[in-house]
Amino acid sequence: MLTKKQLDLLEFIQKRMQRDGVPPSFDEMKLALDLRSKSGIHRLITALEERGFIRRLAHRARAIEIVKLPETLGGAPGAGFTPRVIEGDRPDARPAAARMIEADAIELPVMGRIAAGVPIEAIAEVSHHVAVPGQMLKGNASHYALEVRGDSMIEAGINDGDVVVIRETSTADNGDIVVALVEDQEATLKRYFRRGNAIALEAANPAYETRVLPEDKVKIQGRLVGLIRTY
């Protein structure tokens, strides 16, 4: 049986993975549970892992997978829970743009590389295509994929070499992981926060500083909805 804090943390992780496809950072967990330090989160994470509700993934900084959910969160003891992370080989390049390839899979164009670190020049040419489950895509919105380069989002479970699935949108809510175009030249993958008339682009790695820019220097190109990892 879980304590209230353990249940609250598990519910927060579940909701963020359903929304973003990746787990929250330890800082976000600390703020969500109103704890003073990360050590409390470490203890809660360890307790959830010992009870078989989550699994920490080796060699991935603070990456978490939900294994099962209690009945109070819509699961059943022993029931599995699969985050929206697809693992497998990348497909060969295909000639068509996004199209249905199977009943439950959609092929999306990979539009080049996106920096999870220092911004790099935006690339808007299709390099190849990747198949993703249809349920990962939302509504009638357009979607595309980008290859991640850099390690500034590792605490959000996004590693160098991953492919992120992006829903096209020009707006975002505080805390969303977005593709941001900086000064119409550089694209980067970061958490979005509005601060008055400025936009903060926040990394999920303490080695990187938060960039704060005038709102007219930042354009949102899309929001993260899924992640594909190749081994």
Protein backbone atom coordinates (compact mmCIF):
# COMPACT_ATOMS: atom_id res chain seq x y z
CA MET A 1 0.00 0.00 0.00
CA LEU A 2 1.32 3.42 -0.96
CA THR A 3 1.55 6.48 1.24
CA LYS A 4 -0.19 9.66 0.10
CA LYS A 5 3.10 11.23 -1.02
CA GLN A 6 4.07 8.10 -2.95
CA LEU A 7 0.68 8.02 -4.63
CA ASP A 8 0.84 11.75 -5.42
CA LEU A 9 4.25 11.34 -7.02
CA LEU A 10 3.19 8.32 -9.07
CA GLU A 11 0.12 10.20 -10.29
CA PHE A 12 2.23 13.23 -11.23
CA ILE A 13 4.71 11.07 -13.17
CA GLN A 14 1.84 9.28 -14.94
CA LYS A 15 0.15 12.51 -16.02
CA ARG A 16 3.35 14.09 -17.28
CA MET A 17 4.27 10.97 -19.27
CA GLN A 18 0.79 10.86 -20.79
CA ARG A 19 1.04 14.55 -21.70
CA ASP A 20 4.68 14.78 -22.85
CA GLY A 21 5.71 11.18 -23.47
CA VAL A 22 8.70 11.64 -21.13
CA PRO A 23 9.01 11.67 -17.33
CA PRO A 24 9.31 14.92 -15.34
CA SER A 25 12.62 16.08 -13.91
CA PHE A 26 13.43 15.72 -10.21
CA ASP A 27 13.08 19.51 -9.84
CA GLU A 28 9.57 19.35 -11.28
CA MET A 29 8.66 16.47 -8.95
CA LYS A 30 9.99 18.45 -5.97
CA LEU A 31 7.89 21.48 -6.91
CA ALA A 32 4.78 19.42 -7.61
CA LEU A 33 4.93 17.73 -4.19
CA ASP A 34 6.02 20.93 -2.41
CA LEU A 35 9.16 19.33 -0.99
CA ARG A 36 12.20 21.31 0.13
CA SER A 37 14.88 19.12 -1.42
CA LYS A 38 15.45 16.44 -4.04
CA SER A 39 16.42 13.96 -1.34
CA GLY A 40 12.74 13.53 -0.48
CA ILE A 41 12.02 12.71 -4.14
CA HIS A 42 14.86 10.19 -4.18
CA ARG A 43 13.32 8.41 -1.19
CA LEU A 44 9.87 8.36 -2.78
CA ILE A 45 11.27 7.10 -6.10
CA THR A 46 13.19 4.34 -4.29
CA ALA A 47 10.04 3.31 -2.40
CA LEU A 48 7.98 3.16 -5.60
CA GLU A 49 10.70 1.12 -7.30
CA GLU A 50 10.94 -1.32 -4.37
CA ARG A 51 7.17 -1.83 -4.53
CA GLY A 52 7.31 -2.57 -8.25
CA PHE A 53 5.38 0.46 -9.50
CA ILE A 54 8.24 2.06 -11.43
CA ARG A 55 11.59 1.06 -12.90
CA ARG A 56 14.61 3.30 -13.27
CA LEU A 57 16.29 2.73 -16.63
CA ALA A 58 20.03 2.05 -16.50
CA HIS A 59 22.46 4.41 -18.24
CA ARG A 60 19.74 7.01 -18.82
CA ALA A 61 19.91 10.00 -16.52
CA ARG A 62 16.91 9.86 -14.16
CA ALA A 63 14.75 8.11 -16.78
CA ILE A 64 11.73 6.37 -15.27
CA GLU A 65 9.27 3.81 -16.63
CA ILE A 66 5.93 3.11 -14.96
CA VAL A 67 5.49 -0.66 -14.59
CA LYS A 68 2.05 -0.75 -13.00
CA LEU A 69 -0.57 1.51 -11.46
CA PRO A 70 -2.71 1.07 -8.34
CA GLU A 71 -6.46 0.79 -8.75
CA THR A 72 -6.92 4.37 -7.51
CA LEU A 73 -5.06 5.59 -10.61
CA GLY A 74 -7.01 3.41 -13.01
CA GLY A 75 -4.78 0.37 -12.91
CA ALA A 76 -4.76 -2.96 -11.17
CA PRO A 77 -2.06 -4.65 -9.08
CA GLY A 78 0.44 -6.21 -11.48
CA ALA A 79 -1.00 -4.47 -14.52
CA GLY A 80 1.59 -3.07 -16.91
CA PHE A 81 1.80 0.54 -18.07
CA THR A 82 3.64 1.49 -21.25
CA PRO A 83 4.88 5.04 -21.73
CA ARG A 84 4.73 6.61 -25.16
CA VAL A 85 8.30 5.66 -26.02
CA ILE A 86 8.93 3.56 -29.11
CA GLU A 87 12.10 1.46 -29.24
CA GLY A 88 13.52 -0.04 -32.39
CA ASP A 89 15.45 0.53 -35.59
CA ARG A 90 14.92 3.55 -37.76
CA PRO A 91 13.33 2.79 -41.13
CA ASP A 92 14.94 3.45 -44.47
CA ALA A 93 14.14 6.68 -46.29
CA ARG A 94 10.82 6.62 -48.08
CA PRO A 95 9.63 8.79 -50.99
CA ALA A 96 6.25 9.84 -49.61
CA ALA A 97 5.44 12.32 -46.85
CA ALA A 98 3.41 11.33 -43.79
CA ARG A 99 1.02 8.53 -44.81
CA MET A 100 -0.69 5.50 -43.36
CA ILE A 101 1.50 2.39 -43.60
CA GLU A 102 -0.42 0.07 -41.29
CA ALA A 103 -3.78 0.14 -39.53
CA ASP A 104 -2.21 1.51 -36.34
CA ALA A 105 0.99 3.14 -37.63
CA ILE A 106 1.67 6.41 -39.43
CA GLU A 107 4.83 7.38 -41.28
CA LEU A 108 6.14 10.85 -40.42
CA PRO A 109 8.88 12.88 -42.09
CA VAL A 110 12.06 13.42 -40.06
CA MET A 111 12.83 17.09 -40.65
CA GLY A 112 16.50 17.04 -39.71
CA ARG A 113 18.15 17.56 -36.33
CA ILE A 114 17.16 19.61 -33.29
CA ALA A 115 19.58 20.76 -30.60
CA ALA A 116 19.05 19.70 -27.01
CA GLY A 117 21.94 21.92 -25.99
CA VAL A 118 23.29 25.04 -27.66
CA PRO A 119 20.87 25.96 -30.49
CA ILE A 120 21.83 24.86 -33.97
CA GLU A 121 20.67 26.15 -37.32
CA ALA A 122 17.13 25.01 -38.09
CA ILE A 123 16.83 22.33 -40.76
CA ALA A 124 13.56 22.04 -42.67
CA GLU A 125 14.32 19.33 -45.22
CA VAL A 126 13.07 15.75 -44.97
CA SER A 127 15.99 13.39 -44.36
CA HIS A 128 14.00 10.15 -43.98
CA HIS A 129 10.75 8.86 -42.49
CA VAL A 130 9.85 7.09 -39.26
CA ALA A 131 6.77 5.03 -38.32
CA VAL A 132 4.90 5.91 -35.12
CA PRO A 133 1.70 4.52 -33.54
CA GLY A 134 -1.40 6.40 -34.57
CA GLN A 135 -2.47 6.85 -30.93
CA MET A 136 0.64 8.94 -30.28
CA LEU A 137 -0.70 11.60 -32.64
CA LYS A 138 -3.43 13.96 -31.50
CA GLY A 139 -6.50 14.99 -33.47
CA ASN A 140 -6.13 16.38 -36.97
CA ALA A 141 -2.97 18.38 -36.24
CA SER A 142 0.12 17.97 -38.39
CA HIS A 143 3.07 16.12 -36.88
CA TYR A 144 6.72 15.67 -37.75
CA ALA A 145 9.85 14.17 -36.21
CA LEU A 146 13.32 15.49 -35.39
CA GLU A 147 16.59 13.84 -34.39
CA VAL A 148 17.96 15.05 -31.05
CA ARG A 149 21.55 16.23 -30.76
CA GLY A 150 22.93 17.15 -27.33
CA ASP A 151 22.31 16.32 -23.68
CA SER A 152 20.55 19.35 -22.23
CA MET A 153 17.23 17.47 -21.85
CA ILE A 154 18.53 14.26 -20.26
CA GLU A 155 16.67 14.81 -16.99
CA ALA A 156 13.45 14.83 -19.02
CA GLY A 157 14.42 11.41 -20.41
CA ILE A 158 15.49 12.78 -23.81
CA ASN A 159 18.91 11.51 -24.90
CA ASP A 160 21.31 12.35 -27.70
CA GLY A 161 20.24 10.32 -30.75
CA ASP A 162 16.57 10.02 -29.81
CA VAL A 163 13.87 10.95 -32.32
CA VAL A 164 11.17 13.24 -30.93
CA VAL A 165 7.63 13.39 -32.33
CA ILE A 166 6.34 16.95 -32.53
CA ARG A 167 2.78 18.26 -32.96
CA GLU A 168 2.79 21.47 -34.96
CA THR A 169 1.53 24.45 -32.94
CA SER A 170 2.47 28.08 -32.47
CA THR A 171 1.40 28.24 -28.81
CA ALA A 172 2.52 26.53 -25.62
CA ASP A 173 1.73 26.36 -21.92
CA ASN A 174 4.28 26.88 -19.18
CA GLY A 175 6.26 23.69 -18.67
CA ASP A 176 5.67 22.29 -22.17
CA ILE A 177 8.66 20.85 -24.02
CA VAL A 178 8.72 22.71 -27.32
CA VAL A 179 10.63 23.25 -30.53
CA ALA A 180 11.57 26.92 -30.31
CA LEU A 181 12.90 28.93 -33.23
CA VAL A 182 15.24 31.65 -31.95
CA GLU A 183 15.58 34.82 -34.05
CA ASP A 184 14.28 32.92 -37.12
CA GLN A 185 17.62 31.10 -37.42
CA GLU A 186 18.26 28.59 -34.65
CA ALA A 187 16.06 25.77 -33.40
CA THR A 188 16.25 24.17 -29.98
CA LEU A 189 14.29 21.71 -27.85
CA LYS A 190 13.57 23.13 -24.38
CA ARG A 191 10.91 23.64 -21.71
CA TYR A 192 8.89 26.78 -22.30
CA PHE A 193 8.04 29.37 -19.65
CA ARG A 194 6.61 32.85 -20.13
CA ARG A 195 8.03 35.54 -17.86
CA GLY A 196 6.13 38.76 -18.49
CA ASN A 197 7.20 39.95 -21.95
CA ALA A 198 10.05 37.45 -22.13
CA ILE A 199 10.31 33.74 -22.91
CA ALA A 200 12.51 31.41 -20.85
CA LEU A 201 13.88 28.32 -22.60
CA GLU A 202 14.87 25.96 -19.80
CA ALA A 203 17.13 22.93 -20.09
CA ALA A 204 16.64 19.70 -18.14
CA ASN A 205 20.31 19.48 -17.25
CA PRO A 206 21.93 21.64 -14.55
CA ALA A 207 25.01 22.06 -16.76
CA TYR A 208 23.02 24.39 -19.03
CA GLU A 209 21.74 27.85 -18.14
CA THR A 210 18.18 28.94 -18.87
CA ARG A 211 17.99 31.30 -21.85
CA VAL A 212 15.67 34.29 -21.41
CA LEU A 213 14.76 36.09 -24.62
CA PRO A 214 12.33 38.84 -25.68
CA GLU A 215 9.06 37.27 -26.78
CA ASP A 216 9.45 38.60 -30.33
CA LYS A 217 12.71 36.64 -30.69
CA VAL A 218 11.11 33.24 -30.03
CA LYS A 219 8.60 31.38 -32.20
CA ILE A 220 7.05 28.10 -31.13
CA GLN A 221 7.22 25.52 -33.91
CA GLY A 222 5.62 22.58 -32.09
CA ARG A 223 5.20 20.65 -28.85
CA LEU A 224 6.65 17.28 -27.89
CA VAL A 225 4.13 14.41 -27.91
CA GLY A 226 6.32 11.32 -28.18
CA LEU A 227 9.80 9.84 -28.27
CA ILE A 228 11.47 7.12 -30.33
CA ARG A 229 14.67 5.51 -29.08
CA THR A 230 17.07 3.41 -31.16
CA TYR A 231 19.49 0.89 -29.63
